[in-house]
Protein backbone atom coordinates (compact mmCIF):
# COMPACT_ATOMS: atom_id res chain seq x y z
CA MET A 1 0.11 0.29 0.00
CA VAL A 2 1.39 3.19 -0.73
CA LEU A 3 -0.59 6.07 1.96
CA GLN A 4 0.75 9.79 0.78
CA VAL A 5 0.08 12.55 3.34
CA GLN A 6 -0.58 15.90 1.81
CA ASP A 7 -1.96 18.97 2.92
CA ASP A 8 -4.54 20.77 1.04
CA SER A 9 -5.78 24.28 1.63
CA LEU A 10 -9.23 23.29 1.42
CA VAL A 11 -8.45 20.57 4.31
CA ASP A 12 -5.95 19.96 7.01
CA GLU A 13 -5.36 16.64 5.69
CA VAL A 14 -5.24 14.41 2.90
CA VAL A 15 -4.32 10.99 2.92
CA VAL A 16 -3.87 9.45 -0.54
CA LEU A 17 -4.79 5.64 -0.75
CA LYS A 18 -3.05 3.25 -3.40
CA ASP A 19 -3.40 -0.47 -3.41
CA ALA A 20 -3.21 -1.99 -6.48
CA GLY A 21 -3.63 -5.45 -5.15
CA ALA A 22 -6.69 -4.88 -3.15
CA GLY A 23 -8.12 -2.35 -5.38
CA LEU A 24 -7.78 0.20 -3.12
CA ASP A 25 -7.91 3.85 -4.96
CA GLY A 26 -9.30 6.56 -2.56
CA VAL A 27 -8.80 9.66 -0.60
CA ILE A 28 -9.29 10.33 3.24
CA ALA A 29 -10.03 14.21 3.46
CA ILE A 30 -9.54 15.49 7.17
CA HIS A 31 -10.94 19.40 7.83
CA SER A 32 -10.58 19.49 10.95
CA THR A 33 -9.96 18.15 14.53
CA VAL A 34 -10.45 21.08 16.52
CA LEU A 35 -13.49 19.35 18.48
CA GLY A 36 -12.18 16.00 18.62
CA PRO A 37 -11.21 13.04 15.69
CA GLY A 38 -12.37 13.62 12.55
CA ALA A 39 -15.31 11.75 12.09
CA GLY A 40 -17.43 11.11 8.51
CA GLY A 41 -18.55 7.87 6.45
CA CYS A 42 -16.65 5.96 3.96
CA ARG A 43 -17.99 6.32 0.50
CA LEU A 44 -17.90 3.78 -2.41
CA TRP A 45 -18.71 5.45 -5.67
CA HIS A 46 -17.92 5.34 -9.75
CA TYR A 47 -15.68 8.28 -9.77
CA ALA A 48 -14.08 9.33 -12.89
CA ASP A 49 -10.73 10.31 -11.74
CA GLY A 50 -8.63 11.10 -8.36
CA ASP A 51 -9.24 14.81 -8.90
CA ALA A 52 -13.27 14.18 -8.97
CA ALA A 53 -12.94 11.61 -5.37
CA PHE A 54 -10.58 14.45 -3.82
CA ALA A 55 -13.00 17.22 -4.47
CA ASP A 56 -15.70 15.35 -3.56
CA ALA A 57 -14.16 14.12 -0.10
CA ALA A 58 -13.03 17.61 0.55
CA ARG A 59 -16.83 19.22 -0.15
CA LEU A 60 -17.93 16.43 2.14
CA ALA A 61 -14.91 16.46 4.91
CA GLU A 62 -16.08 20.08 5.36
CA GLY A 63 -19.63 19.37 5.64
CA MET A 64 -18.95 16.79 8.49
CA SER A 65 -16.71 19.36 10.33
CA TYR A 66 -19.84 21.81 10.58
CA LYS A 67 -22.74 19.12 10.63
CA ASN A 68 -20.67 17.69 13.81
CA ALA A 69 -20.24 21.17 15.28
CA MET A 70 -23.80 22.20 14.92
CA ALA A 71 -24.94 18.66 16.40
CA GLY A 72 -22.72 19.73 19.80
CA LEU A 73 -20.69 16.32 19.03
CA PRO A 74 -17.29 16.56 20.53
CA LEU A 75 -16.14 15.63 16.55
CA GLY A 76 -14.01 17.26 14.09
CA GLY A 77 -14.91 16.52 10.33
CA ALA A 78 -13.30 13.94 7.78
CA LYS A 79 -14.87 11.56 4.59
CA ALA A 80 -13.16 8.90 2.90
CA VAL A 81 -14.15 8.09 -0.91
CA LEU A 82 -13.06 5.35 -2.75
CA ARG A 83 -12.98 4.92 -6.61
CA ARG A 84 -15.56 1.64 -7.42
CA PRO A 85 -12.74 -0.78 -9.60
CA GLN A 86 -14.42 -1.76 -12.73
CA GLY A 87 -15.79 -5.02 -12.97
CA ASP A 88 -15.66 -7.86 -10.06
CA PHE A 89 -13.27 -7.10 -7.52
CA ASP A 90 -12.63 -8.80 -3.95
CA ARG A 91 -14.62 -6.39 -1.59
CA VAL A 92 -12.79 -8.15 1.94
CA ALA A 93 -9.43 -7.31 0.78
CA LEU A 94 -10.35 -3.60 -0.40
CA PHE A 95 -12.10 -3.23 2.96
CA ARG A 96 -9.06 -4.57 4.83
CA ALA A 97 -6.68 -2.41 3.36
CA PHE A 98 -8.83 0.47 3.64
CA GLY A 99 -8.76 -0.43 7.67
CA ARG A 100 -5.11 -0.40 7.77
CA ALA A 101 -4.73 2.91 6.42
CA VAL A 102 -7.31 4.08 9.03
CA ALA A 103 -5.01 2.38 11.71
CA ARG A 104 -2.11 4.51 10.69
CA LEU A 105 -3.45 7.62 11.11
CA ASN A 106 -4.20 6.60 14.63
CA GLY A 107 -7.04 8.17 15.85
CA ARG A 108 -7.20 10.72 13.89
CA TYR A 109 -9.76 9.74 11.58
CA VAL A 110 -13.03 7.49 12.77
CA THR A 111 -15.01 5.99 9.83
CA ALA A 112 -18.43 4.63 9.24
CA GLU A 113 -20.43 3.56 6.44
CA ASP A 114 -21.97 5.85 3.95
CA VAL A 115 -23.24 5.82 0.04
CA GLY A 116 -22.00 2.40 -1.27
CA THR A 117 -20.61 0.89 1.84
CA SER A 118 -22.71 -1.41 4.55
CA VAL A 119 -22.42 -2.73 8.12
CA ALA A 120 -20.57 -5.65 6.73
CA ASP A 121 -17.98 -3.50 5.48
CA MET A 122 -17.07 -1.67 8.21
CA GLU A 123 -16.94 -5.17 9.78
CA VAL A 124 -14.33 -5.60 7.39
CA VAL A 125 -12.47 -2.35 8.60
CA ALA A 126 -13.32 -3.17 12.40
CA GLY A 127 -10.60 -5.99 11.97
CA GLU A 128 -7.57 -3.89 11.24
CA THR A 129 -8.91 -0.63 13.93
CA ARG A 130 -10.79 0.44 16.01
CA HIS A 131 -11.70 3.72 14.79
CA VAL A 132 -14.72 2.49 13.43
CA ALA A 133 -18.30 2.68 13.64
CA GLY A 134 -21.78 1.15 12.39
CA LEU A 135 -20.67 -2.18 13.39
CA PRO A 136 -23.85 -4.39 14.22
CA GLN A 137 -25.62 -3.17 17.29
CA LEU A 138 -24.99 -5.02 20.59
CA ALA A 139 -27.30 -5.32 23.04
CA GLY A 140 -27.65 -1.74 25.44
CA ARG A 141 -25.57 -0.11 23.25
CA PRO A 142 -25.57 2.17 19.72
CA GLY A 143 -24.77 0.58 16.66
CA GLY A 144 -26.38 -0.54 13.29
CA ASP A 145 -27.30 0.94 10.20
CA PRO A 146 -27.21 4.72 10.93
CA SER A 147 -30.02 5.41 8.66
CA PRO A 148 -33.44 5.33 10.69
CA HIS A 149 -31.53 7.78 12.69
CA THR A 150 -30.90 10.27 10.19
CA ALA A 151 -34.33 9.74 8.80
CA LEU A 152 -35.65 10.42 12.35
CA GLY A 153 -33.51 14.31 12.27
CA VAL A 154 -34.90 15.01 8.96
CA PHE A 155 -38.43 13.99 10.05
CA VAL A 156 -38.51 16.00 13.40
CA SER A 157 -36.88 18.91 11.34
CA MET A 158 -39.30 18.89 8.95
CA ALA A 159 -42.31 18.93 11.07
CA HIS A 160 -40.62 21.89 12.51
CA ALA A 161 -40.13 23.63 8.93
CA ALA A 162 -43.51 22.67 7.63
CA ARG A 163 -45.19 24.83 10.83
CA ARG A 164 -42.71 27.66 10.45
CA GLY A 165 -42.41 27.95 6.61
CA LEU A 166 -45.98 27.00 6.10
CA GLY A 167 -48.02 27.27 9.52
CA ARG A 168 -49.32 23.68 8.62
CA GLU A 169 -48.64 19.73 10.09
CA LEU A 170 -47.09 17.20 8.19
CA SER A 171 -50.61 15.39 7.86
CA GLU A 172 -51.76 18.42 5.66
CA CYS A 173 -48.43 18.24 3.39
CA THR A 174 -47.35 16.69 0.53
CA VAL A 175 -44.00 15.36 0.58
CA ALA A 176 -41.60 14.73 -2.65
CA ILE A 177 -38.72 12.14 -1.67
CA GLN A 178 -35.95 12.35 -4.37
CA GLY A 179 -34.20 8.91 -3.55
CA VAL A 180 -35.49 5.91 -1.36
CA GLY A 181 -32.87 4.77 -0.48
CA HIS A 182 -32.09 3.32 2.88
CA VAL A 183 -32.73 6.88 4.31
CA GLY A 184 -35.20 7.98 2.29
CA GLU A 185 -37.28 4.83 2.83
CA ALA A 186 -37.08 5.08 6.45
CA LEU A 187 -38.11 8.60 5.98
CA ALA A 188 -41.38 7.41 3.87
CA HIS A 189 -42.55 5.36 6.44
CA LEU A 190 -42.16 8.00 9.29
CA LEU A 191 -44.16 10.79 6.92
CA HIS A 192 -46.66 7.64 5.99
CA GLY A 193 -47.22 7.26 9.66
CA SER A 194 -47.68 11.21 10.35
CA GLY A 195 -50.60 11.06 7.44
CA ALA A 196 -48.42 13.02 5.10
CA ARG A 197 -49.35 12.66 1.36
CA LEU A 198 -46.03 11.29 -0.21
CA ILE A 199 -44.64 11.61 -3.87
CA VAL A 200 -41.42 9.18 -4.15
CA ALA A 201 -38.77 8.67 -7.16
CA ASP A 202 -35.51 6.75 -7.34
CA ILE A 203 -33.03 5.78 -10.44
CA ASP A 204 -34.43 2.19 -9.19
CA SER A 205 -37.85 2.21 -10.51
CA ASP A 206 -38.61 -1.09 -8.80
CA ARG A 207 -37.46 0.11 -5.21
CA ALA A 208 -39.74 3.47 -5.91
CA ALA A 209 -42.66 1.30 -6.24
CA CYS A 210 -41.57 -1.10 -3.57
CA VAL A 211 -41.86 1.99 -1.46
CA ALA A 212 -44.85 3.46 -2.88
CA ALA A 213 -46.86 0.15 -2.29
CA ALA A 214 -45.85 0.13 1.40
CA THR A 215 -46.65 4.14 1.61
CA GLY A 216 -49.36 4.89 -0.22
CA ALA A 217 -47.31 7.19 -2.43
CA GLU A 218 -47.74 8.32 -5.76
CA VAL A 219 -44.47 7.32 -7.77
CA ALA A 220 -42.69 10.14 -10.03
CA SER A 221 -40.15 9.73 -12.44
CA THR A 222 -36.54 10.97 -10.95
CA SER A 223 -36.82 13.77 -13.90
CA GLN A 224 -40.43 14.76 -12.54
CA VAL A 225 -40.00 14.99 -9.08
CA LEU A 226 -38.59 18.52 -8.38
CA ALA A 227 -41.25 19.91 -10.17
CA ALA A 228 -44.16 17.45 -8.66
CA GLN A 229 -47.22 19.85 -6.91
CA ALA A 230 -45.78 19.28 -3.31
CA ASP A 231 -45.34 21.51 0.03
CA ILE A 232 -42.22 20.04 0.74
CA PHE A 233 -39.14 18.52 -1.55
CA ALA A 234 -36.88 16.36 0.35
CA PRO A 235 -33.79 15.37 -1.60
CA CYS A 236 -32.21 12.03 0.11
CA ALA A 237 -30.17 11.24 -3.16
CA LEU A 238 -26.92 12.68 -4.19
CA GLY A 239 -25.68 16.26 -3.65
CA ALA A 240 -25.86 19.26 -5.66
CA VAL A 241 -29.45 19.05 -6.95
CA LEU A 242 -30.08 22.53 -5.97
CA HIS A 243 -28.60 24.96 -8.71
CA ALA A 244 -30.19 27.52 -10.74
CA GLU A 245 -32.08 25.43 -13.42
CA SER A 246 -33.92 23.05 -10.67
CA ILE A 247 -34.66 25.71 -8.23
CA GLU A 248 -36.55 27.81 -10.60
CA ALA A 249 -38.49 24.49 -11.73
CA LEU A 250 -39.12 23.97 -7.75
CA ARG A 251 -43.04 24.00 -6.56
CA ALA A 252 -42.19 23.23 -2.97
CA ARG A 253 -42.01 25.96 -0.56
CA VAL A 254 -39.87 23.76 1.39
CA VAL A 255 -36.97 22.01 1.06
CA CYS A 256 -35.86 19.42 4.05
CA GLY A 257 -34.17 16.36 3.06
CA ALA A 258 -31.05 13.91 3.95
CA ALA A 259 -28.68 14.67 0.96
CA ASN A 260 -25.25 16.07 1.77
CA ASN A 261 -24.41 19.17 -0.09
CA GLN A 262 -27.68 19.73 -1.62
CA LEU A 263 -26.43 23.02 -2.91
CA ALA A 264 -24.41 23.08 -6.04
CA THR A 265 -22.73 26.45 -4.81
CA PRO A 266 -23.81 28.66 -1.87
CA ALA A 267 -24.93 31.29 -4.03
CA ASP A 268 -28.17 28.76 -4.81
CA GLY A 269 -29.01 29.24 -1.28
CA ALA A 270 -30.23 32.81 -2.03
CA ARG A 271 -31.69 31.74 -5.15
CA LEU A 272 -34.11 29.79 -2.80
CA ALA A 273 -34.48 32.45 -0.53
CA GLN A 274 -35.37 35.07 -3.02
CA ARG A 275 -38.02 32.71 -4.06
CA GLY A 276 -39.44 32.74 -0.58
CA ILE A 277 -38.62 28.87 -0.45
CA LEU A 278 -37.56 27.84 3.28
CA TYR A 279 -34.25 25.84 3.08
CA ALA A 280 -33.65 24.02 6.18
CA PRO A 281 -29.92 23.58 5.83
CA ASP A 282 -28.64 19.87 5.28
CA TYR A 283 -26.06 19.44 7.60
CA VAL A 284 -27.92 20.68 10.15
CA VAL A 285 -31.04 18.38 9.83
CA ASN A 286 -29.81 14.93 8.60
CA ALA A 287 -27.08 14.71 11.49
CA GLY A 288 -29.10 11.71 13.10
CA GLY A 289 -26.66 8.99 11.40
CA ILE A 290 -23.13 10.50 12.90
CA ILE A 291 -25.27 10.99 16.22
CA ASN A 292 -25.53 7.66 16.53
CA VAL A 293 -22.26 6.92 15.16
CA ALA A 294 -20.88 8.97 17.96
CA GLY A 295 -23.15 7.19 20.40
CA GLU A 296 -21.34 3.94 19.18
CA TYR A 297 -17.77 5.17 18.99
CA LEU A 298 -18.05 7.27 22.50
CA GLY A 299 -19.91 4.71 24.31
CA TRP A 300 -23.25 6.24 24.66
CA ALA A 301 -26.65 4.65 25.88
CA PRO A 302 -29.14 4.19 23.45
CA GLU A 303 -31.35 6.65 24.94
CA GLU A 304 -28.53 9.69 24.93
CA VAL A 305 -28.35 9.28 21.06
CA THR A 306 -32.36 9.25 20.82
CA MET A 307 -32.43 12.40 22.74
CA ARG A 308 -29.95 14.36 20.83
CA VAL A 309 -31.23 12.89 17.22
CA GLU A 310 -35.04 14.16 18.42
CA ALA A 311 -33.32 17.61 19.45
CA THR A 312 -32.66 18.01 15.81
CA GLY A 313 -35.41 20.53 15.31
CA ALA A 314 -34.52 22.46 18.08
CA ARG A 315 -31.85 22.77 16.57
CA LEU A 316 -32.84 23.99 13.07
CA ALA A 317 -35.24 26.35 14.88
CA ALA A 318 -32.31 27.95 16.20
CA VAL A 319 -30.63 28.28 13.18
CA LEU A 320 -33.72 29.87 11.44
CA ASP A 321 -34.27 32.34 14.12
CA TYR A 322 -30.88 33.32 14.19
CA ALA A 323 -31.23 33.92 10.16
CA GLU A 324 -34.26 35.90 11.12
CA ALA A 325 -32.57 38.46 13.64
CA GLU A 326 -30.00 38.68 11.15
CA ASP A 327 -31.47 38.66 7.84
CA VAL A 328 -29.31 36.14 6.03
CA PRO A 329 -30.46 33.19 4.33
CA PRO A 330 -30.47 30.11 6.35
CA HIS A 331 -27.26 28.52 5.10
CA VAL A 332 -25.59 31.48 5.89
CA ALA A 333 -26.79 31.40 9.41
CA ALA A 334 -25.84 27.64 10.01
CA ASP A 335 -21.99 28.13 8.37
CA THR A 336 -22.09 31.35 10.63
CA LEU A 337 -22.85 29.03 13.82
CA ALA A 338 -20.84 26.26 13.21
CA ARG A 339 -17.71 28.03 12.37
CA ALA A 340 -18.18 29.79 16.02
CA ALA A 341 -18.70 26.57 17.00
CA ILE A 342 -15.48 25.43 15.35
CA ALA A 343 -13.24 28.58 16.46
CA ALA A 344 -14.59 28.61 20.03
CA GLY A 345 -13.67 24.90 20.36
CA ARG A 346 -16.54 25.10 22.71
CA VAL A 347 -17.00 21.13 22.86
CA ARG A 348 -13.39 19.60 22.33
CA THR A 349 -12.05 16.43 23.41
CA PRO A 350 -8.50 14.92 22.74
CA VAL A 351 -8.08 12.96 19.63
CA LEU A 352 -8.48 9.09 21.07
CA ALA A 353 -5.43 7.18 19.79
């Protein structure tokens, strides 16, 4: 394995991962360890080249710093992105090699599952390092798939956003969900239980149909869901979905979803505000998964994790209050508060070696 540590202006540390024998090709980006070890999931995806992988890792790592700070967690921000090998590959060998790379960082990075990875993959990683979460849940401890916690945080935040932006309860709203993977599906079930009307879309049309059958949702195509006649748009797939063209087509008056980096550029947050659309900043509302990861890694009781996830709506309320008081869009308010928390180092803990 070739493990090269580099500095970059976008992040504190860049670790380039290369192990041709194991099929490992990727990068770990550590944005900040001011509040604690850099924590963020490991993404396995079809990146065109190393530059594309690094760009995604750097942006996601910064988002994790802000997410962890806003959630009041004693964790910094980091992310691993791995380029998925073409054709068949030895998944166990790849994640063993990745685990060895994480181990060499001596606790500066804590990994977990993300897009394209699973609890089983994290079990393989755990054979090489203890700096991993998202492992099978043990009795009386947090753990396992963090998706239900992410969905719960989005759900409670959406309830607040609906009352604030629409003056309605979720039972009076139509919600369009873009992406019904693990988080989107869990969110659909929570919304169905609340009485909301649902529209769902996914690149996997069979999955969309299954979720629709279970929740009574209408199915839309991925090209139509943004312009669907809905009160709330919930992006729950990949990021950069909100840009000049899509914002112009958007009919919903509230945006609240689980996807990371929903704004293609910061200017798109201003575009939403100019159109009178209430945007719930993604890293504020989708922190439930990393809260569960933190609970598992730091040894919290499950009740502590649930309490912190359910407080996500209150954290969103604080961001929106600040945005109104300062007359700035919500994404600017969230960034300002997150940077202030990091600068203050107010929940700092030492790196766990």
